[in-house]
All heavy atoms as atom14 arrays in JSON, in Angstrom:
{
  "sequence": "LYASSIRVFPSSLEYAREGILAAGVYANRKFVGDAVSF",
  "atom14_mask": [
    [1, 1, 1, 1, 1, 1, 1, 1, 0, 0, 0, 0, 0, 0],
    [1, 1, 1, 1, 1, 1, 1, 1, 1, 1, 1, 1, 0, 0],
    [1, 1, 1, 1, 1, 0, 0, 0, 0, 0, 0, 0, 0, 0],
    [1, 1, 1, 1, 1, 1, 0, 0, 0, 0, 0, 0, 0, 0],
    [1, 1, 1, 1, 1, 1, 0, 0, 0, 0, 0, 0, 0, 0],
    [1, 1, 1, 1, 1, 1, 1, 1, 0, 0, 0, 0, 0, 0],
    [1, 1, 1, 1, 1, 1, 1, 1, 1, 1, 1, 0, 0, 0],
    [1, 1, 1, 1, 1, 1, 1, 0, 0, 0, 0, 0, 0, 0],
    [1, 1, 1, 1, 1, 1, 1, 1, 1, 1, 1, 0, 0, 0],
    [1, 1, 1, 1, 1, 1, 1, 0, 0, 0, 0, 0, 0, 0],
    [1, 1, 1, 1, 1, 1, 0, 0, 0, 0, 0, 0, 0, 0],
    [1, 1, 1, 1, 1, 1, 0, 0, 0, 0, 0, 0, 0, 0],
    [1, 1, 1, 1, 1, 1, 1, 1, 0, 0, 0, 0, 0, 0],
    [1, 1, 1, 1, 1, 1, 1, 1, 1, 0, 0, 0, 0, 0],
    [1, 1, 1, 1, 1, 1, 1, 1, 1, 1, 1, 1, 0, 0],
    [1, 1, 1, 1, 1, 0, 0, 0, 0, 0, 0, 0, 0, 0],
    [1, 1, 1, 1, 1, 1, 1, 1, 1, 1, 1, 0, 0, 0],
    [1, 1, 1, 1, 1, 1, 1, 1, 1, 0, 0, 0, 0, 0],
    [1, 1, 1, 1, 0, 0, 0, 0, 0, 0, 0, 0, 0, 0],
    [1, 1, 1, 1, 1, 1, 1, 1, 0, 0, 0, 0, 0, 0],
    [1, 1, 1, 1, 1, 1, 1, 1, 0, 0, 0, 0, 0, 0],
    [1, 1, 1, 1, 1, 0, 0, 0, 0, 0, 0, 0, 0, 0],
    [1, 1, 1, 1, 1, 0, 0, 0, 0, 0, 0, 0, 0, 0],
    [1, 1, 1, 1, 0, 0, 0, 0, 0, 0, 0, 0, 0, 0],
    [1, 1, 1, 1, 1, 1, 1, 0, 0, 0, 0, 0, 0, 0],
    [1, 1, 1, 1, 1, 1, 1, 1, 1, 1, 1, 1, 0, 0],
    [1, 1, 1, 1, 1, 0, 0, 0, 0, 0, 0, 0, 0, 0],
    [1, 1, 1, 1, 1, 1, 1, 1, 0, 0, 0, 0, 0, 0],
    [1, 1, 1, 1, 1, 1, 1, 1, 1, 1, 1, 0, 0, 0],
    [1, 1, 1, 1, 1, 1, 1, 1, 1, 0, 0, 0, 0, 0],
    [1, 1, 1, 1, 1, 1, 1, 1, 1, 1, 1, 0, 0, 0],
    [1, 1, 1, 1, 1, 1, 1, 0, 0, 0, 0, 0, 0, 0],
    [1, 1, 1, 1, 0, 0, 0, 0, 0, 0, 0, 0, 0, 0],
    [1, 1, 1, 1, 1, 1, 1, 1, 0, 0, 0, 0, 0, 0],
    [1, 1, 1, 1, 1, 0, 0, 0, 0, 0, 0, 0, 0, 0],
    [1, 1, 1, 1, 1, 1, 1, 0, 0, 0, 0, 0, 0, 0],
    [1, 1, 1, 1, 1, 1, 0, 0, 0, 0, 0, 0, 0, 0],
    [1, 1, 1, 1, 1, 1, 1, 1, 1, 1, 1, 0, 0, 0]
  ],
  "atom14_positions": [
    [[103.94, 76.02, 86.88], [104.67, 77.15, 87.51], [105.42, 76.64, 88.75], [104.87, 75.74, 89.56], [103.82, 78.31, 87.79], [103.09, 79.0, 86.65], [102.26, 80.14, 87.1], [104.13, 79.42, 85.58], [0.0, 0.0, 0.0], [0.0, 0.0, 0.0], [0.0, 0.0, 0.0], [0.0, 0.0, 0.0], [0.0, 0.0, 0.0], [0.0, 0.0, 0.0]],
    [[106.57, 77.17, 89.02], [107.36, 76.83, 90.2], [107.25, 78.07, 91.18], [107.9, 79.08, 90.99], [108.74, 76.56, 89.93], [108.96, 75.73, 88.68], [109.86, 76.22, 87.68], [108.19, 74.57, 88.36], [110.07, 75.42, 86.49], [108.39, 73.87, 87.21], [109.29, 74.38, 86.21], [109.53, 73.61, 85.14], [0.0, 0.0, 0.0], [0.0, 0.0, 0.0]],
    [[106.41, 77.97, 92.22], [106.12, 79.13, 92.98], [107.4, 79.79, 93.67], [107.53, 80.98, 93.69], [105.1, 78.84, 94.1], [0.0, 0.0, 0.0], [0.0, 0.0, 0.0], [0.0, 0.0, 0.0], [0.0, 0.0, 0.0], [0.0, 0.0, 0.0], [0.0, 0.0, 0.0], [0.0, 0.0, 0.0], [0.0, 0.0, 0.0], [0.0, 0.0, 0.0]],
    [[108.27, 78.96, 94.06], [109.55, 79.46, 94.71], [110.49, 80.1, 93.81], [111.41, 80.84, 94.27], [110.22, 78.24, 95.4], [110.65, 77.3, 94.44], [0.0, 0.0, 0.0], [0.0, 0.0, 0.0], [0.0, 0.0, 0.0], [0.0, 0.0, 0.0], [0.0, 0.0, 0.0], [0.0, 0.0, 0.0], [0.0, 0.0, 0.0], [0.0, 0.0, 0.0]],
    [[110.31, 79.97, 92.52], [111.17, 80.61, 91.52], [110.71, 81.99, 91.04], [111.43, 82.68, 90.36], [111.33, 79.67, 90.26], [111.88, 78.52, 90.67], [0.0, 0.0, 0.0], [0.0, 0.0, 0.0], [0.0, 0.0, 0.0], [0.0, 0.0, 0.0], [0.0, 0.0, 0.0], [0.0, 0.0, 0.0], [0.0, 0.0, 0.0], [0.0, 0.0, 0.0]],
    [[109.45, 82.32, 91.44], [108.78, 83.61, 90.91], [109.31, 84.72, 91.88], [109.04, 84.75, 93.03], [107.26, 83.47, 90.87], [106.94, 82.28, 89.98], [106.71, 84.78, 90.51], [105.49, 81.94, 90.07], [0.0, 0.0, 0.0], [0.0, 0.0, 0.0], [0.0, 0.0, 0.0], [0.0, 0.0, 0.0], [0.0, 0.0, 0.0], [0.0, 0.0, 0.0]],
    [[109.96, 85.74, 91.35], [110.42, 86.86, 92.13], [109.16, 87.77, 92.5], [108.32, 88.02, 91.58], [111.44, 87.65, 91.36], [112.76, 87.04, 91.22], [113.81, 87.94, 90.55], [113.97, 89.13, 91.23], [113.91, 90.42, 90.62], [113.67, 90.5, 89.41], [114.1, 91.41, 91.37], [0.0, 0.0, 0.0], [0.0, 0.0, 0.0], [0.0, 0.0, 0.0]],
    [[109.19, 88.2, 93.73], [108.13, 89.11, 94.14], [108.8, 90.35, 94.84], [110.0, 90.3, 95.22], [107.23, 88.44, 95.17], [106.6, 87.19, 94.58], [107.93, 88.11, 96.51], [0.0, 0.0, 0.0], [0.0, 0.0, 0.0], [0.0, 0.0, 0.0], [0.0, 0.0, 0.0], [0.0, 0.0, 0.0], [0.0, 0.0, 0.0], [0.0, 0.0, 0.0]],
    [[108.02, 91.38, 94.86], [108.53, 92.65, 95.56], [108.69, 92.42, 97.02], [107.73, 91.8, 97.66], [107.61, 93.77, 95.27], [107.73, 94.39, 93.85], [106.77, 94.19, 92.96], [108.8, 95.19, 93.51], [106.84, 94.71, 91.68], [108.95, 95.7, 92.22], [107.98, 95.49, 91.27], [0.0, 0.0, 0.0], [0.0, 0.0, 0.0], [0.0, 0.0, 0.0]],
    [[109.73, 92.91, 97.53], [109.93, 92.71, 99.03], [108.67, 93.33, 99.8], [108.16, 94.36, 99.41], [111.1, 93.57, 99.33], [111.97, 93.53, 98.11], [110.84, 93.55, 96.99], [0.0, 0.0, 0.0], [0.0, 0.0, 0.0], [0.0, 0.0, 0.0], [0.0, 0.0, 0.0], [0.0, 0.0, 0.0], [0.0, 0.0, 0.0], [0.0, 0.0, 0.0]],
    [[108.25, 92.62, 100.8], [107.07, 93.0, 101.68], [105.77, 92.62, 101.11], [104.78, 92.75, 101.81], [107.1, 94.37, 102.18], [106.82, 95.34, 101.11], [0.0, 0.0, 0.0], [0.0, 0.0, 0.0], [0.0, 0.0, 0.0], [0.0, 0.0, 0.0], [0.0, 0.0, 0.0], [0.0, 0.0, 0.0], [0.0, 0.0, 0.0], [0.0, 0.0, 0.0]],
    [[105.62, 92.37, 99.77], [104.31, 92.03, 99.26], [103.74, 90.8, 99.88], [102.49, 90.73, 100.11], [104.36, 91.83, 97.73], [105.26, 90.76, 97.37], [0.0, 0.0, 0.0], [0.0, 0.0, 0.0], [0.0, 0.0, 0.0], [0.0, 0.0, 0.0], [0.0, 0.0, 0.0], [0.0, 0.0, 0.0], [0.0, 0.0, 0.0], [0.0, 0.0, 0.0]],
    [[104.58, 89.73, 100.19], [104.01, 88.61, 100.79], [103.52, 88.9, 102.22], [102.58, 88.36, 102.75], [105.11, 87.49, 100.86], [105.46, 86.74, 99.54], [106.61, 85.82, 99.69], [104.24, 86.08, 98.96], [0.0, 0.0, 0.0], [0.0, 0.0, 0.0], [0.0, 0.0, 0.0], [0.0, 0.0, 0.0], [0.0, 0.0, 0.0], [0.0, 0.0, 0.0]],
    [[104.3, 89.77, 102.92], [103.92, 90.17, 104.33], [102.58, 90.81, 104.34], [101.75, 90.46, 105.11], [105.04, 91.03, 104.85], [104.71, 91.63, 106.21], [105.71, 92.71, 106.61], [106.84, 92.79, 106.13], [105.42, 93.43, 107.57], [0.0, 0.0, 0.0], [0.0, 0.0, 0.0], [0.0, 0.0, 0.0], [0.0, 0.0, 0.0], [0.0, 0.0, 0.0]],
    [[102.35, 91.73, 103.38], [101.08, 92.47, 103.35], [99.95, 91.54, 102.9], [98.81, 91.6, 103.45], [101.17, 93.65, 102.43], [101.98, 94.85, 103.08], [103.19, 95.3, 102.48], [101.53, 95.45, 104.23], [103.91, 96.33, 103.04], [102.28, 96.49, 104.82], [103.42, 96.85, 104.19], [104.17, 97.9, 104.76], [0.0, 0.0, 0.0], [0.0, 0.0, 0.0]],
    [[100.25, 90.65, 101.97], [99.27, 89.72, 101.57], [98.83, 88.72, 102.79], [97.62, 88.4, 102.91], [99.78, 88.87, 100.4], [0.0, 0.0, 0.0], [0.0, 0.0, 0.0], [0.0, 0.0, 0.0], [0.0, 0.0, 0.0], [0.0, 0.0, 0.0], [0.0, 0.0, 0.0], [0.0, 0.0, 0.0], [0.0, 0.0, 0.0], [0.0, 0.0, 0.0]],
    [[99.77, 88.39, 103.59], [99.58, 87.57, 104.77], [98.58, 88.32, 105.77], [97.82, 87.7, 106.42], [100.87, 87.29, 105.47], [100.8, 86.08, 106.36], [102.26, 85.73, 106.91], [103.06, 85.22, 105.83], [104.16, 85.8, 105.42], [104.58, 86.9, 106.02], [104.94, 85.27, 104.5], [0.0, 0.0, 0.0], [0.0, 0.0, 0.0], [0.0, 0.0, 0.0]],
    [[98.69, 89.53, 105.73], [97.88, 90.45, 106.66], [96.5, 90.78, 105.95], [95.72, 91.48, 106.49], [98.57, 91.68, 106.98], [99.82, 91.49, 107.81], [100.64, 92.78, 108.07], [100.11, 93.79, 107.62], [101.7, 92.68, 108.64], [0.0, 0.0, 0.0], [0.0, 0.0, 0.0], [0.0, 0.0, 0.0], [0.0, 0.0, 0.0], [0.0, 0.0, 0.0]],
    [[96.28, 90.27, 104.74], [95.03, 90.54, 104.04], [94.85, 91.77, 103.36], [93.82, 92.26, 102.99], [0.0, 0.0, 0.0], [0.0, 0.0, 0.0], [0.0, 0.0, 0.0], [0.0, 0.0, 0.0], [0.0, 0.0, 0.0], [0.0, 0.0, 0.0], [0.0, 0.0, 0.0], [0.0, 0.0, 0.0], [0.0, 0.0, 0.0], [0.0, 0.0, 0.0]],
    [[96.03, 92.46, 103.16], [96.03, 93.85, 102.46], [96.14, 93.49, 100.92], [97.33, 93.37, 100.43], [97.11, 94.74, 102.94], [96.96, 94.93, 104.48], [97.19, 96.05, 102.17], [98.2, 95.49, 105.18], [0.0, 0.0, 0.0], [0.0, 0.0, 0.0], [0.0, 0.0, 0.0], [0.0, 0.0, 0.0], [0.0, 0.0, 0.0], [0.0, 0.0, 0.0]],
    [[95.03, 93.42, 100.23], [95.03, 93.05, 98.89], [94.25, 93.98, 98.07], [93.24, 94.59, 98.49], [94.32, 91.65, 98.8], [94.98, 90.49, 99.59], [94.08, 89.25, 99.52], [96.37, 90.17, 99.15], [0.0, 0.0, 0.0], [0.0, 0.0, 0.0], [0.0, 0.0, 0.0], [0.0, 0.0, 0.0], [0.0, 0.0, 0.0], [0.0, 0.0, 0.0]],
    [[94.64, 94.17, 96.84], [93.91, 94.91, 95.77], [92.64, 94.13, 95.42], [92.54, 92.87, 95.44], [94.71, 95.17, 94.61], [0.0, 0.0, 0.0], [0.0, 0.0, 0.0], [0.0, 0.0, 0.0], [0.0, 0.0, 0.0], [0.0, 0.0, 0.0], [0.0, 0.0, 0.0], [0.0, 0.0, 0.0], [0.0, 0.0, 0.0], [0.0, 0.0, 0.0]],
    [[91.58, 94.91, 95.12], [90.29, 94.26, 94.76], [90.46, 93.29, 93.57], [89.75, 92.26, 93.42], [89.25, 95.33, 94.46], [0.0, 0.0, 0.0], [0.0, 0.0, 0.0], [0.0, 0.0, 0.0], [0.0, 0.0, 0.0], [0.0, 0.0, 0.0], [0.0, 0.0, 0.0], [0.0, 0.0, 0.0], [0.0, 0.0, 0.0], [0.0, 0.0, 0.0]],
    [[91.36, 93.65, 92.71], [91.64, 92.85, 91.51], [92.11, 91.43, 91.84], [91.94, 90.52, 90.99], [0.0, 0.0, 0.0], [0.0, 0.0, 0.0], [0.0, 0.0, 0.0], [0.0, 0.0, 0.0], [0.0, 0.0, 0.0], [0.0, 0.0, 0.0], [0.0, 0.0, 0.0], [0.0, 0.0, 0.0], [0.0, 0.0, 0.0], [0.0, 0.0, 0.0]],
    [[92.69, 91.19, 93.04], [93.06, 89.79, 93.39], [91.93, 88.95, 93.35], [91.87, 87.74, 92.84], [93.78, 89.78, 94.78], [93.96, 88.37, 95.3], [95.05, 90.57, 94.77], [0.0, 0.0, 0.0], [0.0, 0.0, 0.0], [0.0, 0.0, 0.0], [0.0, 0.0, 0.0], [0.0, 0.0, 0.0], [0.0, 0.0, 0.0], [0.0, 0.0, 0.0]],
    [[90.75, 89.35, 93.88], [89.56, 88.49, 93.97], [88.95, 88.37, 92.59], [88.49, 87.37, 92.31], [88.56, 89.09, 94.97], [89.1, 89.4, 96.32], [89.59, 90.63, 96.7], [89.33, 88.35, 97.29], [90.09, 90.9, 98.05], [89.77, 88.54, 98.53], [90.18, 89.85, 98.83], [90.76, 90.02, 100.1], [0.0, 0.0, 0.0], [0.0, 0.0, 0.0]],
    [[88.99, 89.4, 91.86], [88.44, 89.36, 90.49], [89.18, 88.42, 89.66], [88.65, 87.68, 88.83], [88.42, 90.76, 89.79], [0.0, 0.0, 0.0], [0.0, 0.0, 0.0], [0.0, 0.0, 0.0], [0.0, 0.0, 0.0], [0.0, 0.0, 0.0], [0.0, 0.0, 0.0], [0.0, 0.0, 0.0], [0.0, 0.0, 0.0], [0.0, 0.0, 0.0]],
    [[90.54, 88.43, 89.74], [91.35, 87.55, 88.99], [91.28, 86.14, 89.32], [91.27, 85.24, 88.53], [92.85, 87.9, 89.11], [93.07, 89.33, 88.39], [92.41, 89.72, 87.51], [94.25, 90.03, 88.78], [0.0, 0.0, 0.0], [0.0, 0.0, 0.0], [0.0, 0.0, 0.0], [0.0, 0.0, 0.0], [0.0, 0.0, 0.0], [0.0, 0.0, 0.0]],
    [[91.06, 85.9, 90.7], [90.9, 84.5, 91.09], [89.53, 84.01, 90.59], [89.45, 82.82, 90.17], [90.83, 84.46, 92.66], [90.8, 83.04, 93.27], [90.72, 83.17, 94.79], [91.95, 83.53, 95.39], [92.92, 82.7, 95.67], [92.78, 81.34, 95.45], [94.04, 83.06, 96.26], [0.0, 0.0, 0.0], [0.0, 0.0, 0.0], [0.0, 0.0, 0.0]],
    [[88.5, 84.77, 90.55], [87.22, 84.4, 89.95], [87.33, 84.21, 88.45], [86.74, 83.24, 87.91], [86.25, 85.48, 90.25], [84.78, 85.05, 89.72], [83.76, 86.15, 90.13], [82.4, 85.84, 89.61], [81.42, 86.93, 89.98], [0.0, 0.0, 0.0], [0.0, 0.0, 0.0], [0.0, 0.0, 0.0], [0.0, 0.0, 0.0], [0.0, 0.0, 0.0]],
    [[88.15, 84.99, 87.77], [88.33, 84.87, 86.33], [89.01, 83.56, 86.04], [88.59, 82.85, 85.08], [89.2, 86.06, 85.88], [89.75, 85.93, 84.45], [88.82, 85.9, 83.3], [91.08, 85.92, 84.17], [89.33, 85.7, 82.06], [91.56, 85.78, 82.89], [90.63, 85.71, 81.76], [0.0, 0.0, 0.0], [0.0, 0.0, 0.0], [0.0, 0.0, 0.0]],
    [[90.06, 83.17, 86.67], [90.76, 81.95, 86.41], [89.91, 80.65, 86.9], [89.89, 79.69, 86.24], [92.08, 81.93, 87.07], [92.8, 80.63, 86.9], [92.98, 83.09, 86.42], [0.0, 0.0, 0.0], [0.0, 0.0, 0.0], [0.0, 0.0, 0.0], [0.0, 0.0, 0.0], [0.0, 0.0, 0.0], [0.0, 0.0, 0.0], [0.0, 0.0, 0.0]],
    [[89.25, 80.84, 88.05], [88.33, 79.85, 88.5], [89.13, 78.5, 88.84], [90.18, 78.46, 89.38], [0.0, 0.0, 0.0], [0.0, 0.0, 0.0], [0.0, 0.0, 0.0], [0.0, 0.0, 0.0], [0.0, 0.0, 0.0], [0.0, 0.0, 0.0], [0.0, 0.0, 0.0], [0.0, 0.0, 0.0], [0.0, 0.0, 0.0], [0.0, 0.0, 0.0]],
    [[88.48, 77.4, 88.32], [88.96, 76.07, 88.5], [90.14, 75.7, 87.6], [90.64, 74.57, 87.58], [87.94, 75.02, 88.4], [86.87, 75.24, 89.57], [87.18, 75.71, 90.6], [85.64, 74.93, 89.29], [0.0, 0.0, 0.0], [0.0, 0.0, 0.0], [0.0, 0.0, 0.0], [0.0, 0.0, 0.0], [0.0, 0.0, 0.0], [0.0, 0.0, 0.0]],
    [[90.56, 76.63, 86.74], [91.6, 76.36, 85.77], [93.01, 76.31, 86.41], [93.94, 75.93, 85.76], [91.6, 77.43, 84.62], [0.0, 0.0, 0.0], [0.0, 0.0, 0.0], [0.0, 0.0, 0.0], [0.0, 0.0, 0.0], [0.0, 0.0, 0.0], [0.0, 0.0, 0.0], [0.0, 0.0, 0.0], [0.0, 0.0, 0.0], [0.0, 0.0, 0.0]],
    [[93.13, 76.67, 87.69], [94.45, 76.64, 88.38], [94.4, 75.59, 89.48], [93.43, 75.63, 90.26], [94.88, 78.01, 88.8], [93.96, 78.62, 89.79], [96.3, 77.96, 89.4], [0.0, 0.0, 0.0], [0.0, 0.0, 0.0], [0.0, 0.0, 0.0], [0.0, 0.0, 0.0], [0.0, 0.0, 0.0], [0.0, 0.0, 0.0], [0.0, 0.0, 0.0]],
    [[95.46, 74.87, 89.71], [95.54, 73.98, 90.81], [96.84, 74.28, 91.58], [97.89, 74.41, 91.08], [95.59, 72.54, 90.36], [95.9, 71.63, 91.38], [0.0, 0.0, 0.0], [0.0, 0.0, 0.0], [0.0, 0.0, 0.0], [0.0, 0.0, 0.0], [0.0, 0.0, 0.0], [0.0, 0.0, 0.0], [0.0, 0.0, 0.0], [0.0, 0.0, 0.0]],
    [[96.69, 74.38, 93.0], [97.84, 74.72, 93.82], [98.29, 73.44, 94.54], [97.38, 72.77, 95.13], [97.54, 75.86, 94.82], [97.27, 77.15, 94.15], [95.95, 77.54, 93.88], [98.3, 77.98, 93.71], [95.68, 78.8, 93.32], [98.01, 79.19, 93.1], [96.79, 79.59, 92.98], [0.0, 0.0, 0.0], [0.0, 0.0, 0.0], [0.0, 0.0, 0.0]]
  ]
}
């Protein structure tokens, strides 16, 4: 995946930077686990 090519909703990155995240973010990160490399 090319991160810079993925469209996001305006201000979602700003709120994510402030730690305002849905609980599902942590669950999804655990679900994918080591299968993703950044």
